[in-house]
Protein backbone atom coordinates (compact mmCIF):
# COMPACT_ATOMS: atom_id res chain seq x y z
CA MET A 1 0.00 0.00 0.00
CA VAL A 2 1.53 3.31 -1.14
CA LYS A 3 1.64 6.02 1.49
CA VAL A 4 0.03 9.01 -0.21
CA GLN A 5 2.18 12.12 0.04
CA ARG A 6 1.25 15.73 -0.64
CA ILE A 7 3.93 16.87 -3.06
CA ALA A 8 4.66 20.32 -4.48
CA VAL A 9 6.78 20.32 -7.64
CA ILE A 10 8.31 23.75 -8.22
CA GLY A 11 8.92 24.32 -11.91
CA THR A 12 6.87 22.99 -14.84
CA GLY A 13 9.67 22.64 -17.33
CA TYR A 14 10.65 19.29 -18.77
CA VAL A 15 11.76 17.62 -15.52
CA GLY A 16 9.12 19.18 -13.29
CA LEU A 17 6.18 18.42 -15.55
CA VAL A 18 7.18 14.81 -16.21
CA SER A 19 8.06 14.18 -12.56
CA GLY A 20 4.83 15.72 -11.29
CA ALA A 21 2.63 13.75 -13.69
CA CYS A 22 4.41 10.48 -12.88
CA LEU A 23 4.20 11.03 -9.12
CA ALA A 24 0.47 11.66 -9.50
CA GLU A 25 0.16 8.48 -11.54
CA MET A 26 1.78 6.64 -8.61
CA GLY A 27 -1.12 7.81 -6.43
CA HIS A 28 0.24 10.92 -4.72
CA GLN A 29 -1.44 14.31 -4.46
CA VAL A 30 0.67 16.61 -6.60
CA VAL A 31 0.55 20.32 -7.28
CA CYS A 32 2.94 21.71 -9.89
CA VAL A 33 3.91 25.35 -9.50
CA ASP A 34 5.05 27.89 -12.07
CA ARG A 35 5.07 31.68 -11.95
CA ASP A 36 4.01 31.83 -15.62
CA GLU A 37 0.22 32.15 -15.30
CA ARG A 38 -0.42 31.56 -19.00
CA ARG A 39 1.53 28.32 -18.83
CA ILE A 40 -0.51 27.26 -15.79
CA ALA A 41 -3.76 28.05 -17.60
CA ARG A 42 -2.67 25.83 -20.50
CA LEU A 43 -1.64 23.00 -18.21
CA LEU A 44 -4.97 23.06 -16.38
CA GLN A 45 -6.51 22.22 -19.77
CA ALA A 46 -3.93 19.45 -20.36
CA ASP A 47 -2.40 21.63 -23.08
CA ILE A 48 1.23 20.52 -22.88
CA PRO A 49 3.82 23.16 -23.87
CA ILE A 50 6.55 20.58 -24.60
CA TYR A 51 6.72 17.63 -26.96
CA GLU A 52 6.99 14.37 -25.04
CA PRO A 53 5.21 11.19 -26.18
CA GLY A 54 2.46 10.12 -23.77
CA LEU A 55 2.71 13.14 -21.48
CA ARG A 56 -0.53 14.82 -22.50
CA ASP A 57 -2.58 11.69 -21.78
CA LEU A 58 -0.81 11.20 -18.45
CA VAL A 59 -1.48 14.79 -17.38
CA ALA A 60 -5.10 14.67 -18.56
CA SER A 61 -5.92 11.43 -16.72
CA ASN A 62 -4.44 12.65 -13.44
CA LEU A 63 -6.14 16.03 -13.72
CA HIS A 64 -9.40 14.16 -14.22
CA GLY A 65 -8.59 11.90 -11.28
CA HIS A 66 -7.91 14.93 -9.03
CA ARG A 67 -4.40 13.72 -8.18
CA LEU A 68 -2.69 16.48 -10.14
CA THR A 69 -3.23 20.20 -10.39
CA PHE A 70 -1.32 23.33 -11.37
CA THR A 71 -0.99 26.73 -9.75
CA SER A 72 1.01 29.95 -9.80
CA GLN A 73 0.49 30.41 -6.05
CA ILE A 74 3.71 29.06 -4.61
CA GLY A 75 2.84 30.01 -1.02
CA ASP A 76 -0.20 27.73 -0.81
CA ALA A 77 1.70 24.89 -2.46
CA ILE A 78 4.55 25.13 0.07
CA ARG A 79 2.30 25.40 3.11
CA LEU A 80 0.15 22.40 2.18
CA SER A 81 2.90 20.02 1.04
CA ASP A 82 4.80 17.26 2.84
CA ILE A 83 7.52 17.14 0.19
CA ILE A 84 8.79 19.96 -2.01
CA VAL A 85 10.50 18.96 -5.26
CA ILE A 86 12.71 21.65 -6.80
CA ALA A 87 12.79 21.24 -10.57
CA VAL A 88 13.61 24.71 -11.86
CA GLY A 89 16.08 25.59 -14.56
CA THR A 90 19.81 25.83 -13.85
CA PRO A 91 21.32 27.13 -17.11
CA THR A 92 25.02 27.67 -17.67
CA LEU A 93 26.45 31.18 -17.40
CA GLU A 94 28.97 32.48 -19.90
CA ASN A 95 31.86 31.75 -17.52
CA GLY A 96 30.76 28.12 -17.14
CA ASP A 97 29.20 28.50 -13.69
CA VAL A 98 25.62 27.39 -13.05
CA ASP A 99 22.97 30.10 -12.87
CA MET A 100 21.30 29.53 -9.48
CA THR A 101 18.83 32.43 -9.74
CA GLN A 102 15.73 30.24 -9.91
CA VAL A 103 16.92 27.93 -7.13
CA ASN A 104 17.60 30.93 -4.90
CA SER A 105 14.10 32.21 -5.58
CA VAL A 106 12.60 28.89 -4.46
CA VAL A 107 14.68 28.92 -1.28
CA ALA A 108 13.37 32.41 -0.48
CA SER A 109 9.80 31.23 -1.05
CA ILE A 110 10.21 28.19 1.20
CA ALA A 111 11.62 30.41 3.94
CA ALA A 112 8.71 32.82 3.53
CA TYR A 113 5.85 30.34 3.45
CA ALA A 114 6.81 27.14 5.29
CA ILE A 115 4.88 26.85 8.56
CA SER A 116 5.75 23.23 9.33
CA SER A 117 8.56 20.73 8.82
CA LYS A 118 8.84 19.08 5.40
CA THR A 119 11.44 17.52 3.12
CA VAL A 120 12.96 19.30 0.13
CA VAL A 121 14.05 17.17 -2.84
CA MET A 122 16.53 18.69 -5.28
CA LYS A 123 15.93 17.40 -8.82
CA SER A 124 17.48 20.35 -10.60
CA THR A 125 21.05 19.69 -11.68
CA VAL A 126 23.11 21.83 -9.31
CA PRO A 127 26.78 22.22 -8.34
CA VAL A 128 28.26 20.02 -5.64
CA GLY A 129 27.54 21.49 -2.21
CA THR A 130 24.21 23.06 -3.17
CA GLY A 131 22.16 20.77 -0.93
CA ARG A 132 24.31 21.56 2.10
CA TRP A 133 24.18 25.30 1.40
CA LEU A 134 20.40 25.24 0.85
CA GLU A 135 19.79 23.38 4.10
CA GLU A 136 21.99 25.81 6.01
CA GLN A 137 20.16 28.80 4.52
CA LEU A 138 16.75 27.43 5.47
CA GLY A 139 18.03 26.70 8.97
CA LEU A 140 19.03 30.34 9.37
CA LEU A 141 15.83 31.76 7.90
CA LEU A 142 13.22 29.56 9.58
CA PRO A 143 12.23 29.10 13.23
CA SER A 144 14.21 26.38 15.01
CA ASP A 145 11.15 24.13 15.38
CA ILE A 146 10.71 23.88 11.58
CA LYS A 147 13.08 21.28 10.17
CA ILE A 148 13.59 21.13 6.41
CA PRO A 149 16.17 18.52 5.40
CA VAL A 150 17.35 18.71 1.81
CA VAL A 151 17.75 15.51 -0.21
CA SER A 152 19.55 15.25 -3.55
CA ASN A 153 17.61 13.08 -6.01
CA PRO A 154 19.05 13.66 -9.51
CA GLU A 155 16.97 12.75 -12.55
CA PHE A 156 18.23 10.68 -15.48
CA LEU A 157 15.42 11.20 -17.97
CA ARG A 158 15.89 10.99 -21.70
CA GLU A 159 13.79 13.34 -23.77
CA GLY A 160 11.45 11.31 -25.92
CA SER A 161 11.23 8.43 -23.43
CA ALA A 162 10.97 10.28 -20.14
CA ILE A 163 7.81 8.59 -18.87
CA HIS A 164 9.28 5.13 -19.48
CA ASP A 165 12.52 6.20 -17.80
CA THR A 166 10.62 7.47 -14.76
CA PHE A 167 8.74 4.23 -14.24
CA HIS A 168 11.64 1.94 -15.25
CA PRO A 169 14.82 3.63 -13.96
CA ASP A 170 18.22 1.95 -14.03
CA ARG A 171 18.76 3.24 -10.51
CA VAL A 172 17.43 5.78 -8.05
CA VAL A 173 20.10 7.95 -6.42
CA ILE A 174 19.27 9.55 -3.07
CA GLY A 175 21.79 11.72 -1.26
CA ALA A 176 20.83 12.69 2.27
CA GLU A 177 22.50 14.01 5.40
CA TYR A 178 19.77 12.63 7.64
CA ALA A 179 18.76 8.97 7.47
CA GLN A 180 15.08 9.64 8.08
CA ALA A 181 14.83 12.06 5.15
CA GLY A 182 16.67 9.64 2.89
CA ALA A 183 14.36 6.80 3.94
CA GLU A 184 11.28 8.94 3.22
CA ILE A 185 12.38 9.60 -0.36
CA ALA A 186 13.49 6.00 -0.80
CA GLU A 187 9.99 4.88 0.22
CA LEU A 188 8.55 7.28 -2.37
CA HIS A 189 10.51 5.45 -5.09
CA ALA A 190 10.19 1.90 -3.75
CA PRO A 191 7.20 0.98 -5.98
CA LEU A 192 9.42 1.46 -9.05
CA GLY A 193 11.38 -1.66 -8.12
CA ALA A 194 14.75 -0.19 -9.10
CA GLU A 195 17.97 -0.38 -7.12
CA ILE A 196 18.13 2.53 -4.69
CA LEU A 197 21.57 3.94 -4.02
CA LEU A 198 21.75 5.89 -0.76
CA THR A 199 24.72 8.25 -0.64
CA ASP A 200 25.92 11.45 0.93
CA ARG A 201 24.58 14.59 -0.77
CA GLU A 202 27.81 15.58 -2.45
CA SER A 203 28.20 12.19 -4.12
CA ALA A 204 24.60 12.25 -5.35
CA GLU A 205 25.07 15.73 -6.81
CA LEU A 206 28.22 14.61 -8.61
CA ILE A 207 26.73 11.36 -9.96
CA LYS A 208 24.47 13.27 -12.38
CA TYR A 209 27.35 15.31 -13.79
CA ALA A 210 29.67 12.31 -13.93
CA SER A 211 27.09 10.18 -15.74
CA ASN A 212 26.37 12.73 -18.44
CA ALA A 213 30.04 13.62 -18.87
CA PHE A 214 30.92 9.95 -19.36
CA LEU A 215 28.18 9.41 -21.94
CA ALA A 216 29.31 12.54 -23.77
CA ALA A 217 32.84 11.13 -23.74
CA LYS A 218 31.62 7.93 -25.45
CA ILE A 219 30.01 10.01 -28.18
CA SER A 220 33.12 12.12 -28.77
CA PHE A 221 35.32 9.01 -28.72
CA ILE A 222 33.36 7.21 -31.45
CA ASN A 223 33.27 10.41 -33.51
CA GLU A 224 37.06 10.58 -33.33
CA MET A 225 37.22 6.92 -34.34
CA ALA A 226 34.98 7.74 -37.31
CA HIS A 227 37.65 10.06 -38.73
CA VAL A 228 40.28 7.36 -38.34
CA CYS A 229 37.92 4.94 -40.11
CA GLU A 230 37.53 7.32 -43.05
CA LYS A 231 41.30 7.60 -43.42
CA VAL A 232 42.00 3.85 -43.32
CA GLY A 233 38.89 2.65 -45.19
CA ALA A 234 37.17 1.02 -42.21
CA ASN A 235 33.47 1.13 -41.29
CA VAL A 236 32.80 2.90 -37.99
CA GLY A 237 29.45 1.13 -37.66
CA LEU A 238 31.20 -2.24 -37.59
CA VAL A 239 33.92 -0.92 -35.29
CA ALA A 240 31.27 0.35 -32.87
CA LYS A 241 29.38 -2.94 -33.04
CA GLY A 242 32.55 -4.87 -32.26
CA MET A 243 33.28 -2.59 -29.33
CA GLY A 244 29.72 -2.71 -28.03
CA LEU A 245 29.66 -6.50 -27.88
CA ASP A 246 32.20 -6.21 -25.09
CA ARG A 247 30.05 -6.13 -21.95
CA ARG A 248 32.55 -3.83 -20.28
CA ILE A 249 31.83 -1.21 -22.96
CA GLY A 250 28.26 -1.83 -24.15
CA PRO A 251 26.64 -0.62 -27.37
CA HIS A 252 24.96 2.55 -26.11
CA PHE A 253 26.17 6.02 -27.19
CA LEU A 254 28.53 4.58 -29.79
CA ASN A 255 26.71 5.99 -32.82
CA ALA A 256 29.00 8.18 -34.87
CA GLY A 257 27.44 11.40 -36.11
CA ILE A 258 27.43 15.16 -35.72
CA GLY A 259 27.77 15.14 -31.95
CA TYR A 260 25.60 15.61 -28.90
CA GLY A 261 23.27 18.51 -28.11
CA GLY A 262 20.20 19.17 -26.00
CA SER A 263 19.55 20.51 -22.55
CA CYS A 264 21.82 18.19 -20.55
CA PHE A 265 25.07 17.04 -22.15
CA PRO A 266 26.39 20.45 -23.29
CA LYS A 267 25.37 22.14 -20.04
CA ASP A 268 26.54 19.36 -17.72
CA THR A 269 29.91 18.79 -19.39
CA LYS A 270 30.70 22.49 -19.14
CA ALA A 271 29.48 22.61 -15.55
CA GLN A 272 31.56 19.56 -14.59
CA LEU A 273 34.60 21.18 -16.16
CA LYS A 274 33.92 24.34 -14.15
CA ILE A 275 33.43 22.33 -10.94
CA ALA A 276 36.88 20.83 -11.47
CA GLN A 277 38.40 24.25 -12.19
CA ASN A 278 36.88 25.64 -9.01
CA VAL A 279 38.81 23.06 -6.99
CA ASP A 280 42.00 23.72 -8.97
CA TYR A 281 41.86 20.63 -11.18
CA ASP A 282 42.23 20.56 -14.97
CA PHE A 283 39.83 17.88 -16.26
CA LYS A 284 41.72 17.32 -19.53
CA ILE A 285 39.60 14.45 -20.89
CA LEU A 286 36.42 16.45 -20.48
CA ARG A 287 37.97 19.49 -22.10
CA ALA A 288 38.77 17.32 -25.12
CA VAL A 289 35.24 15.87 -25.17
CA ILE A 290 33.75 19.36 -25.48
CA GLU A 291 36.27 20.43 -28.13
CA VAL A 292 35.69 17.30 -30.23
CA ASN A 293 31.93 17.79 -30.10
CA HIS A 294 32.19 21.35 -31.37
CA ARG A 295 34.68 20.36 -34.08
CA GLN A 296 32.41 17.55 -35.26
CA ARG A 297 29.87 20.05 -36.53
CA GLU A 298 32.56 21.99 -38.38
CA ARG A 299 33.83 18.78 -39.97
CA PHE A 300 30.36 17.91 -41.15
CA VAL A 301 29.98 21.26 -42.90
CA SER A 302 33.37 20.66 -44.53
CA LYS A 303 32.13 17.25 -45.69
CA ILE A 304 29.13 18.96 -47.33
CA GLU A 305 31.50 21.39 -49.06
CA ARG A 306 33.74 18.59 -50.32
CA THR A 307 30.72 16.79 -51.71
CA LEU A 308 29.04 19.73 -53.44
CA GLY A 309 31.88 22.13 -54.07
CA SER A 310 31.24 25.81 -53.39
CA LEU A 311 28.04 26.23 -51.40
CA ASP A 312 27.48 29.77 -52.62
CA GLY A 313 24.05 29.78 -54.28
CA LYS A 314 23.31 26.16 -53.38
CA HIS A 315 20.01 25.15 -51.80
CA LEU A 316 20.15 22.49 -49.07
CA ALA A 317 17.35 20.62 -47.33
CA VAL A 318 18.26 19.97 -43.69
CA MET A 319 16.15 17.09 -42.43
CA GLY A 320 15.62 17.21 -38.67
CA LEU A 321 16.15 20.26 -36.47
CA ALA A 322 15.63 19.07 -32.87
CA PHE A 323 18.75 17.77 -31.13
CA LYS A 324 17.28 14.23 -31.17
CA PRO A 325 14.10 12.53 -32.40
CA ASN A 326 10.86 12.45 -30.38
CA THR A 327 11.39 15.92 -28.96
CA ASP A 328 10.93 19.51 -30.07
CA ASP A 329 13.96 20.68 -28.10
CA LEU A 330 16.31 22.94 -30.05
CA ARG A 331 18.67 23.68 -27.18
CA ASP A 332 22.20 23.35 -28.56
CA ALA A 333 20.88 21.23 -31.43
CA PRO A 334 23.71 20.50 -33.90
CA ALA A 335 21.39 21.48 -36.76
CA LEU A 336 21.38 25.11 -35.58
CA GLU A 337 25.13 25.53 -35.82
CA ILE A 338 25.33 23.57 -39.06
CA ILE A 339 22.60 25.66 -40.70
CA ALA A 340 24.26 28.91 -39.60
CA SER A 341 27.56 27.75 -41.14
CA LEU A 342 25.85 26.75 -44.39
CA GLN A 343 24.19 30.17 -44.60
CA ASN A 344 27.52 31.90 -43.94
CA LEU A 345 28.93 29.99 -46.90
CA GLY A 346 26.20 31.36 -49.15
CA ALA A 347 23.72 28.48 -49.13
CA SER A 348 19.97 28.81 -48.73
CA VAL A 349 18.34 26.30 -46.42
CA SER A 350 14.96 24.66 -46.08
CA GLY A 351 14.36 22.72 -42.87
CA TYR A 352 12.11 19.78 -42.00
CA ASP A 353 11.07 18.62 -38.55
CA PRO A 354 7.82 16.91 -37.51
CA ALA A 355 7.82 18.30 -33.97
CA VAL A 356 9.62 21.63 -33.84
CA SER A 357 7.00 24.36 -33.58
CA ALA A 358 6.71 27.94 -34.69
CA HIS A 359 9.15 29.20 -32.03
CA ALA A 360 11.91 27.73 -34.20
CA VAL A 361 11.43 30.61 -36.63
CA GLN A 362 13.16 32.91 -34.13
CA MET A 363 16.16 30.58 -33.91
CA LEU A 364 16.39 29.80 -37.63
CA LEU A 365 16.22 33.13 -39.39
CA GLY A 366 16.14 32.84 -43.16
CA VAL A 367 15.20 29.16 -43.11
CA ASN A 368 12.00 27.96 -44.77
CA LEU A 369 10.50 25.51 -42.27
CA PHE A 370 8.31 22.55 -43.20
CA THR A 371 6.54 19.74 -41.37
CA ASP A 372 6.24 17.85 -44.68
CA PRO A 373 9.57 16.33 -45.75
CA TYR A 374 8.85 16.40 -49.49
CA SER A 375 8.13 20.12 -49.44
CA ALA A 376 11.51 20.73 -47.80
CA LEU A 377 13.31 18.58 -50.40
CA ARG A 378 11.87 20.24 -53.50
CA ASP A 379 14.62 21.67 -55.77
CA ALA A 380 17.36 21.14 -53.16
CA ASP A 381 20.91 20.42 -54.34
CA ALA A 382 21.26 17.81 -51.57
CA MET A 383 19.44 16.25 -48.64
CA VAL A 384 21.30 16.77 -45.36
CA ILE A 385 20.23 14.60 -42.40
CA ALA A 386 20.73 16.19 -38.98
CA THR A 387 18.20 14.31 -36.80
CA GLU A 388 17.31 10.62 -37.15
CA TRP A 389 13.51 10.89 -37.18
CA ASP A 390 11.74 7.61 -38.00
CA SER A 391 9.68 9.49 -40.59
CA LEU A 392 12.82 9.74 -42.71
CA ARG A 393 13.10 5.94 -42.84
CA GLU A 394 9.66 5.79 -44.43
CA LEU A 395 10.33 8.19 -47.31
CA ASN A 396 9.39 7.33 -50.89
CA TRP A 397 12.91 7.32 -52.32
CA ALA A 398 11.81 7.51 -55.95
CA LEU A 399 9.88 10.67 -55.10
CA VAL A 400 12.86 12.04 -53.14
CA ARG A 401 15.10 11.52 -56.19
CA SER A 402 12.63 13.33 -58.41
CA LEU A 403 12.43 16.32 -56.07
CA LEU A 404 16.19 16.84 -55.62
CA LYS A 405 18.21 18.66 -58.25
CA GLN A 406 20.95 16.11 -57.62
CA PRO A 407 20.42 12.69 -55.98
CA ILE A 408 22.81 13.40 -53.11
CA ILE A 409 22.27 12.54 -49.44
CA ILE A 410 24.73 13.69 -46.79
CA ASP A 411 23.84 11.84 -43.61
CA GLY A 412 25.05 13.18 -40.26
CA ARG A 413 23.39 10.35 -38.33
CA ASN A 414 24.34 7.24 -40.38
CA MET A 415 20.69 6.27 -40.72
CA PHE A 416 21.05 4.09 -43.80
CA GLU A 417 23.36 1.51 -45.35
CA PRO A 418 25.54 3.06 -48.06
CA GLU A 419 25.17 0.20 -50.53
CA GLU A 420 21.38 0.26 -50.22
CA MET A 421 21.25 3.99 -50.91
CA GLY A 422 23.55 3.50 -53.92
CA ARG A 423 21.16 0.90 -55.33
CA LEU A 424 18.34 3.41 -54.85
CA GLY A 425 20.21 5.85 -57.08
CA PHE A 426 21.82 8.20 -54.56
CA THR A 427 25.32 9.38 -53.91
CA TYR A 428 25.37 8.73 -50.19
CA VAL A 429 27.87 10.36 -47.84
CA SER A 430 27.93 9.48 -44.14
CA ILE A 431 30.21 9.59 -41.10
CA GLY A 432 33.11 7.15 -40.75
CA ARG A 433 32.05 5.01 -43.71
CA LYS A 434 32.91 4.90 -47.42
CA THR A 435 30.97 7.17 -49.73
CA CYS A 436 28.68 5.20 -52.02
CA ALA A 437 28.22 6.66 -55.49
CA ARG A 438 24.89 6.10 -57.18
CA ASP A 439 24.64 3.09 -59.47
CA MET A 440 21.93 3.80 -62.03
CA ALA A 441 22.13 0.34 -63.62
CA ALA A 442 21.68 -1.31 -60.24
CA THR A 443 18.95 1.20 -59.43
CA SER A 444 16.94 0.29 -62.53
CA SER A 445 17.23 -3.42 -61.78
CA TYR A 446 16.48 -2.93 -58.09
CA MET A 447 13.40 -0.77 -58.69
CA THR A 448 12.07 -3.18 -61.32
CA LYS A 449 12.49 -6.07 -58.90
CA LYS A 450 10.69 -4.11 -56.17
CA LEU A 451 7.87 -3.29 -58.61
CA PHE A 452 7.24 -6.92 -59.55
CA GLN A 453 7.50 -8.01 -55.91
CA GLY A 454 4.78 -5.51 -55.01
């Protein structure tokens, strides 16, 4: 039998909204708080401001079941809650430090409105030592009879599969100074059936950064290997598969491409590097990871230039804008930097993405945006793949060939097999693999065979 908790989730961004909806689905009474009243009004109608598969239905069912609600009144939410989850944004400042403005605002609100003891759970990704500092601040600002322990409980959600990740986590990390507070949050997560790792707060805070930095390192490593593969005539896909079969390495995050982006890896790698600098340590591997990731985008633009020649006056169709499929998130998406470079070299760009909404217009000036892939491809000199949306796997390739000025595909995500694309009549350029020139004789035979096979 689940002990029903009254939970206030502060922040209705990606982490806060998913966490709040999932906690409500587990049977708890959840109120999600945001100071943006228009956002709250939308959420009360189950109008979800982010793209995440399954989230709208989850929010709607729990609103209907009266387990979930939304408000802009943070005072009431704090007073009536047993547990306060902090899930506000912690962006990176220009100097690499973490912007703690929103966290500080929540601390001030807790100090102003808490009238009884409760537990604070830090889900925002924050620098090491934040939990200790926050607890000390609340101790100074509140009466001595109100105890507010702070527990670190980092999230490990992947955009596009966040609900699944919440209900089927690899592990639950709980960092607490006081055993009772740690046990309370462990009990909250017990129904998930995952291994619960109880640690000190500082270790829990560092685990999130360390995990993301290590995954980013795997991505940068395989991208470096891809360049070696191109020089020696090897296939990075086979190299990665051979590596991934080793259980000590595993297959995940070994897909060569145009590098990582999004809301976590770029921010967390830079923050981890800054954390090391602040304690007088030069994290050389991580510095290289960040440099390689930036250079990967430049190399991809150079690959487009080598394939097409001068880009001045060329028209390119960039397929996929979000940093990964199944999300509308453009934060540090590789496509943004690649498109800007193409435009600087004189190319015009049309862009396709099935999820990125109208706000992308402000981030992609001069780009004609389409939610229909064929409209984006019309009269383009080449198709450039920047995000591996499943919708691209389902394209009518004969129609794609007819729409392009030249049957050229430059794939930054290695979505397809080079030989197959050659048989379909394309010159196919990818990352860390041999370029496959189109074979029109094979194409004619292949298409005829497909026709008679239905």
